[in-house]
Protein backbone atom coordinates (compact mmCIF):
# COMPACT_ATOMS: atom_id res chain seq x y z
CA MET A 1 -46.99 21.05 29.24
CA ASP A 2 -43.46 20.98 27.77
CA LEU A 3 -42.80 23.27 24.80
CA SER A 4 -39.01 22.92 24.92
CA ALA A 5 -39.08 20.05 22.41
CA ILE A 6 -40.38 22.37 19.66
CA ASP A 7 -37.50 23.55 17.46
CA PRO A 8 -38.45 27.00 16.04
CA ILE A 9 -36.02 26.68 13.11
CA LEU A 10 -37.44 23.30 12.13
CA LEU A 11 -40.93 24.73 12.63
CA LEU A 12 -40.28 27.54 10.13
CA ALA A 13 -38.69 25.17 7.62
CA SER A 14 -41.64 22.78 7.94
CA LEU A 15 -44.04 25.70 7.46
CA ILE A 16 -42.70 26.29 3.95
CA VAL A 17 -43.06 22.60 3.06
CA ALA A 18 -46.57 22.35 4.51
CA SER A 19 -47.76 25.41 2.59
CA THR A 20 -46.53 24.23 -0.82
CA PRO A 21 -49.49 21.99 -1.83
CA ILE A 22 -52.11 24.62 -1.08
CA LEU A 23 -49.96 27.37 -2.61
CA LEU A 24 -49.69 25.50 -5.91
CA ALA A 25 -53.42 24.76 -6.04
CA ALA A 26 -54.39 28.32 -5.06
CA LEU A 27 -52.10 29.92 -7.65
CA GLY A 28 -53.67 27.80 -10.38
CA GLU A 29 -57.17 28.70 -9.23
CA LEU A 30 -56.18 32.38 -9.04
CA VAL A 31 -55.35 32.38 -12.76
CA VAL A 32 -58.56 30.48 -13.56
CA GLU A 33 -60.73 32.95 -11.65
CA ARG A 34 -58.96 35.99 -13.09
CA ALA A 35 -60.06 34.60 -16.47
CA GLY A 36 -63.67 34.65 -15.24
CA VAL A 37 -64.12 30.93 -14.53
CA LEU A 38 -65.19 29.50 -11.17
CA ASN A 39 -63.77 25.98 -10.85
CA LEU A 40 -64.98 24.16 -7.74
CA GLY A 41 -63.20 21.00 -8.87
CA VAL A 42 -59.83 21.87 -7.33
CA GLU A 43 -60.16 19.14 -4.69
CA GLY A 44 -60.85 16.54 -7.37
CA MET A 45 -57.88 17.65 -9.46
CA MET A 46 -55.59 17.61 -6.42
CA ILE A 47 -56.52 14.07 -5.40
CA THR A 48 -56.20 12.89 -9.00
CA GLY A 49 -52.75 14.45 -9.20
CA ALA A 50 -51.85 12.82 -5.89
CA ILE A 51 -52.57 9.27 -7.10
CA CYS A 52 -51.25 9.81 -10.65
CA GLY A 53 -47.98 11.23 -9.35
CA PHE A 54 -47.65 8.57 -6.65
CA ALA A 55 -48.36 5.63 -8.96
CA ILE A 56 -46.01 6.80 -11.72
CA ALA A 57 -43.24 7.69 -9.26
CA VAL A 58 -43.47 4.26 -7.61
CA ASN A 59 -43.46 2.41 -10.93
CA THR A 60 -40.66 4.44 -12.54
CA GLY A 61 -38.62 5.18 -9.44
CA SER A 62 -38.51 8.85 -10.45
CA PRO A 63 -40.30 11.57 -8.45
CA PHE A 64 -39.73 13.99 -11.36
CA ILE A 65 -41.70 11.79 -13.77
CA GLY A 66 -44.31 11.42 -11.04
CA PHE A 67 -44.76 15.19 -10.80
CA VAL A 68 -45.04 15.45 -14.60
CA ALA A 69 -47.72 12.73 -14.56
CA ALA A 70 -49.54 14.55 -11.75
CA ALA A 71 -49.61 17.78 -13.73
CA LEU A 72 -50.95 15.90 -16.76
CA GLY A 73 -53.56 14.10 -14.65
CA GLY A 74 -54.81 17.36 -13.16
CA ALA A 75 -54.80 19.02 -16.59
CA VAL A 76 -56.83 16.18 -18.15
CA LEU A 77 -59.49 16.54 -15.47
CA ALA A 78 -59.40 20.31 -15.95
CA LEU A 79 -59.81 19.85 -19.71
CA LEU A 80 -62.97 17.86 -19.05
CA PHE A 81 -64.25 20.73 -16.90
CA GLY A 82 -63.27 23.23 -19.59
CA LEU A 83 -65.08 21.36 -22.35
CA LEU A 84 -68.19 21.07 -20.21
CA THR A 85 -68.31 24.72 -19.19
CA GLN A 86 -66.78 26.55 -22.17
CA VAL A 87 -67.92 24.38 -25.09
CA ALA A 88 -71.05 22.61 -23.84
CA LEU A 89 -71.90 25.70 -21.70
CA ALA A 90 -72.73 23.62 -18.63
CA ASN A 91 -73.17 25.30 -15.24
CA GLN A 92 -69.74 26.00 -13.73
CA VAL A 93 -70.72 25.30 -10.12
CA ALA A 94 -72.42 21.98 -10.89
CA SER A 95 -69.60 20.90 -13.21
CA GLY A 96 -66.94 21.71 -10.62
CA LEU A 97 -68.72 19.80 -7.87
CA ALA A 98 -69.20 16.83 -10.20
CA LEU A 99 -65.50 16.99 -11.06
CA THR A 100 -64.56 16.81 -7.39
CA LEU A 101 -66.77 13.77 -6.80
CA PHE A 102 -65.40 12.14 -9.95
CA GLY A 103 -61.80 12.80 -8.90
CA LEU A 104 -62.35 11.39 -5.42
CA GLY A 105 -63.93 8.23 -6.83
CA LEU A 106 -61.33 7.79 -9.57
CA SER A 107 -58.43 8.22 -7.16
CA ALA A 108 -59.92 5.67 -4.75
CA LEU A 109 -60.17 3.18 -7.62
CA LEU A 110 -56.67 3.80 -8.98
CA GLY A 111 -55.07 3.80 -5.54
CA GLN A 112 -56.30 0.43 -4.33
CA GLY A 113 -52.97 -1.31 -4.92
CA TYR A 114 -50.75 1.46 -3.57
CA GLN A 115 -51.64 1.72 0.11
CA GLY A 116 -48.73 1.04 2.43
CA ILE A 117 -46.12 1.61 -0.29
CA LYS A 118 -43.39 4.21 0.11
CA PRO A 119 -42.55 6.39 -2.92
CA PRO A 120 -38.98 7.14 -4.04
CA PRO A 121 -37.57 10.06 -2.04
CA THR A 122 -37.61 13.57 -3.47
CA ARG A 123 -34.15 14.91 -2.76
CA SER A 124 -33.54 18.39 -1.40
CA LEU A 125 -31.43 20.85 -3.35
CA ASP A 126 -27.97 21.37 -1.94
CA ILE A 127 -27.21 25.01 -2.72
CA PRO A 128 -23.48 25.70 -2.19
CA VAL A 129 -22.72 28.15 0.64
CA LEU A 130 -26.38 29.14 1.12
CA SER A 131 -27.43 25.72 2.47
CA ASP A 132 -24.63 25.89 5.06
CA LEU A 133 -25.68 29.26 6.49
CA PRO A 134 -26.73 29.07 10.16
CA VAL A 135 -30.49 29.32 10.75
CA VAL A 136 -31.30 30.86 7.35
CA GLY A 137 -29.78 27.91 5.49
CA ARG A 138 -32.05 25.40 7.21
CA ILE A 139 -35.15 27.56 6.85
CA LEU A 140 -34.82 28.76 3.25
CA PHE A 141 -32.20 26.72 1.41
CA SER A 142 -32.75 23.10 2.42
CA HIS A 143 -35.89 22.24 0.46
CA ASP A 144 -36.80 20.18 -2.58
CA PRO A 145 -37.17 21.74 -6.06
CA MET A 146 -40.99 21.87 -5.89
CA VAL A 147 -40.85 24.38 -3.02
CA TYR A 148 -38.79 26.76 -5.13
CA LEU A 149 -40.99 26.13 -8.17
CA ALA A 150 -44.05 27.16 -6.15
CA LEU A 151 -42.33 30.35 -4.96
CA ALA A 152 -41.17 31.12 -8.50
CA LEU A 153 -44.75 30.66 -9.72
CA VAL A 154 -45.94 33.30 -7.24
CA VAL A 155 -43.58 35.85 -8.80
CA ALA A 156 -44.35 34.66 -12.34
CA VAL A 157 -48.13 34.85 -11.90
CA TRP A 158 -47.91 38.27 -10.25
CA ALA A 159 -45.65 39.64 -13.01
CA MET A 160 -47.73 38.05 -15.78
CA LEU A 161 -50.98 39.54 -14.53
CA LYS A 162 -49.50 42.97 -13.84
CA TYR A 163 -46.97 43.63 -16.58
CA THR A 164 -47.57 41.43 -19.64
CA ARG A 165 -49.94 41.56 -22.60
CA LEU A 166 -51.05 38.02 -21.77
CA GLY A 167 -52.03 39.18 -18.29
CA LEU A 168 -53.92 42.14 -19.73
CA ILE A 169 -55.89 39.85 -22.06
CA LEU A 170 -56.59 37.40 -19.23
CA ARG A 171 -57.88 40.17 -16.97
CA ALA A 172 -59.95 41.67 -19.78
CA VAL A 173 -61.63 38.32 -20.41
CA GLY A 174 -62.30 37.93 -16.69
CA GLU A 175 -63.67 41.44 -16.21
CA ASN A 176 -65.96 41.63 -19.25
CA HIS A 177 -65.92 38.72 -21.66
CA ASP A 178 -68.34 40.40 -24.08
CA ALA A 179 -66.13 43.47 -24.43
CA ALA A 180 -63.04 41.27 -24.79
CA HIS A 181 -64.78 39.29 -27.53
CA ALA A 182 -65.78 42.51 -29.30
CA LEU A 183 -62.10 43.53 -29.32
CA GLY A 184 -61.22 40.28 -31.08
CA TYR A 185 -59.86 38.24 -28.17
CA LYS A 186 -60.55 34.48 -28.20
CA VAL A 187 -62.43 34.24 -24.91
CA VAL A 188 -62.97 30.47 -24.95
CA ARG A 189 -59.35 29.77 -25.91
CA VAL A 190 -58.00 32.04 -23.17
CA ARG A 191 -60.25 30.45 -20.57
CA LEU A 192 -59.39 26.91 -21.64
CA LEU A 193 -55.67 27.66 -21.34
CA ALA A 194 -56.21 29.19 -17.89
CA ILE A 195 -58.24 26.14 -16.83
CA LEU A 196 -55.49 23.77 -18.04
CA PHE A 197 -52.88 25.76 -16.09
CA GLY A 198 -55.05 25.63 -12.98
CA GLY A 199 -55.52 21.88 -13.34
CA ALA A 200 -51.80 21.26 -13.76
CA CYS A 201 -51.01 23.35 -10.65
CA ALA A 202 -53.65 21.50 -8.62
CA GLY A 203 -52.22 18.17 -9.80
CA LEU A 204 -48.74 19.24 -8.71
CA GLY A 205 -50.11 20.28 -5.32
CA GLY A 206 -51.75 16.89 -4.87
CA ALA A 207 -48.58 15.04 -5.88
CA TYR A 208 -46.57 17.10 -3.40
CA LEU A 209 -48.82 15.76 -0.67
CA SER A 210 -48.40 12.11 -1.66
CA LEU A 211 -44.72 12.24 -2.63
CA VAL A 212 -43.21 14.71 -0.15
CA ARG A 213 -45.54 16.01 2.53
CA VAL A 214 -46.85 12.67 3.84
CA PRO A 215 -45.29 10.67 1.82
CA GLN A 216 -47.66 7.78 1.09
CA TRP A 217 -50.96 7.18 -0.62
CA THR A 218 -54.11 7.37 1.51
CA GLU A 219 -57.63 7.59 0.13
CA GLY A 220 -58.98 11.13 0.50
CA MET A 221 -55.59 12.42 1.64
CA THR A 222 -56.17 15.96 0.30
CA ALA A 223 -58.54 16.41 3.28
CA GLY A 224 -60.13 19.64 2.10
CA TYR A 225 -56.96 21.32 0.80
CA GLY A 226 -58.73 22.08 -2.48
CA TRP A 227 -61.56 23.88 -0.71
CA ILE A 228 -59.09 25.89 1.38
CA ALA A 229 -57.30 26.86 -1.86
CA LEU A 230 -60.61 28.12 -3.26
CA ALA A 231 -61.31 30.16 -0.14
CA LEU A 232 -57.73 31.42 -0.14
CA VAL A 233 -58.11 32.94 -3.61
CA VAL A 234 -61.33 34.76 -2.71
CA PHE A 235 -60.22 36.09 0.66
CA ALA A 236 -56.81 37.05 -0.79
CA SER A 237 -58.72 39.35 -3.16
CA TRP A 238 -57.32 37.57 -6.23
CA LYS A 239 -53.77 38.78 -5.48
CA ALA A 240 -50.78 36.44 -5.73
CA GLY A 241 -48.90 38.00 -2.80
CA ARG A 242 -51.82 37.55 -0.44
CA VAL A 243 -52.25 33.97 -1.63
CA LEU A 244 -48.65 33.30 -0.58
CA LEU A 245 -49.23 34.84 2.86
CA GLY A 246 -52.44 32.85 3.31
CA ALA A 247 -50.72 29.60 2.32
CA TRP A 248 -47.88 30.27 4.75
CA LEU A 249 -50.41 31.01 7.48
CA PHE A 250 -52.24 27.73 6.84
CA GLY A 251 -48.98 25.77 6.64
CA GLY A 252 -47.62 27.37 9.80
CA ILE A 253 -50.69 26.63 11.89
CA SER A 254 -50.84 23.07 10.49
CA VAL A 255 -47.26 22.39 11.56
CA LEU A 256 -47.70 24.15 14.91
CA GLN A 257 -50.78 22.15 15.89
CA LEU A 258 -48.98 18.88 15.05
CA ASN A 259 -46.07 19.93 17.28
CA LEU A 260 -48.40 21.00 20.10
CA GLN A 261 -50.36 17.75 20.30
CA PRO A 262 -47.64 15.69 22.07
CA THR A 263 -46.70 18.51 24.49
CA GLY A 264 -49.71 17.98 26.72
CA ILE A 265 -51.26 21.38 25.99
CA PRO A 266 -54.74 21.48 27.60
CA ILE A 267 -56.62 21.84 24.30
CA PRO A 268 -58.52 18.89 22.81
CA VAL A 269 -56.84 17.34 19.77
CA GLU A 270 -59.98 17.91 17.70
CA TYR A 271 -59.74 21.68 18.24
CA LEU A 272 -56.06 21.69 17.33
CA SER A 273 -56.78 19.71 14.15
CA MET A 274 -59.44 22.14 12.97
CA SER A 275 -57.46 25.26 13.92
CA PRO A 276 -55.54 25.63 10.61
CA TYR A 277 -58.78 25.81 8.64
CA LEU A 278 -60.60 28.08 11.09
CA ILE A 279 -57.79 30.56 11.79
CA THR A 280 -56.78 30.83 8.12
CA ILE A 281 -60.34 31.68 7.08
CA LEU A 282 -60.77 34.22 9.91
CA VAL A 283 -57.49 36.01 9.17
CA LEU A 284 -58.15 36.10 5.43
CA VAL A 285 -61.64 37.51 6.01
CA ILE A 286 -60.01 40.37 7.94
CA MET A 287 -57.35 40.79 5.22
CA SER A 288 -60.07 41.07 2.56
CA GLY A 289 -61.75 43.93 4.41
CA ASP A 290 -60.94 46.31 1.55
CA LYS A 291 -63.65 44.50 -0.45
CA SER A 292 -61.56 44.31 -3.60
CA ARG A 293 -63.95 43.56 -6.40
CA ALA A 294 -64.11 40.09 -7.91
CA PRO A 295 -63.58 39.70 -11.68
CA GLY A 296 -66.75 41.03 -13.33
CA SER A 297 -67.44 37.94 -15.43
CA LEU A 298 -66.55 35.39 -12.73
CA GLY A 299 -68.82 32.36 -13.02
CA ARG A 300 -70.77 33.74 -16.00
CA THR A 301 -71.26 31.62 -19.11
CA PHE A 302 -69.94 33.08 -22.35
CA HIS A 303 -71.37 32.45 -25.80
CA ALA A 304 -70.02 34.21 -28.89
CA SER A 305 -73.51 34.73 -30.30
CA GLN A 306 -74.70 36.66 -27.25
């Protein structure tokens, strides 16, 4: 067993890249659930964003346009979920599962002509002075713009929920939609906007997989990332900071197990491959030991006449 080939600086830099897709998806779902909606269609929105972003980036030669298309693709699927659950008052769990199956099937259909094709490269930001710093420069200041967008979203979501009127309304709708409605807040409108934001974030996370993380199109390439994002939100107690830590944990273990496989470590490859999912869930269960309460109206159907 030879561990000398593992570069710790590269490992830490790769950790941040590997965590970005799940961080984007989990942040979107965090906002959705704080509004009182349980969307189990994150996996479907991620895979739809992955193929939409990949196809548009390949055909236009622009990763930026690809990411915009991915956000729109995820938002369109989220809008379908929102109309079903908030307007037609369909069951949220059943609608979310159906959305995931629909997204997986749609992406397989749309992606038939794109296997084996390389997308245009997403260039890293060259930040003067900071990128040239030893160690820190490679770890923190040598990434593409989507990494920094994801980190900025963590701060933005945290600040929005904690300090803004919009965050107060969102939390009020999620805690008690009947009381929020009685105060004059547009519950359905707030929830639809939250759902659209969540869909766009999931689409961006999927596109990051197909355009940067892999980068190529493979059917079913999200490989359960959407489900991990869902679990991440719950076990992080609906807090943006804990979501970031959980995403970094998952990304770090994912990168570490890939680096350990060729070293000859006496652990079966199958156990290494499942370790990111298992360890992340176990650690987050321990982190959520304070039993922070879920939003009071999470998963409950709202009707103005009730």
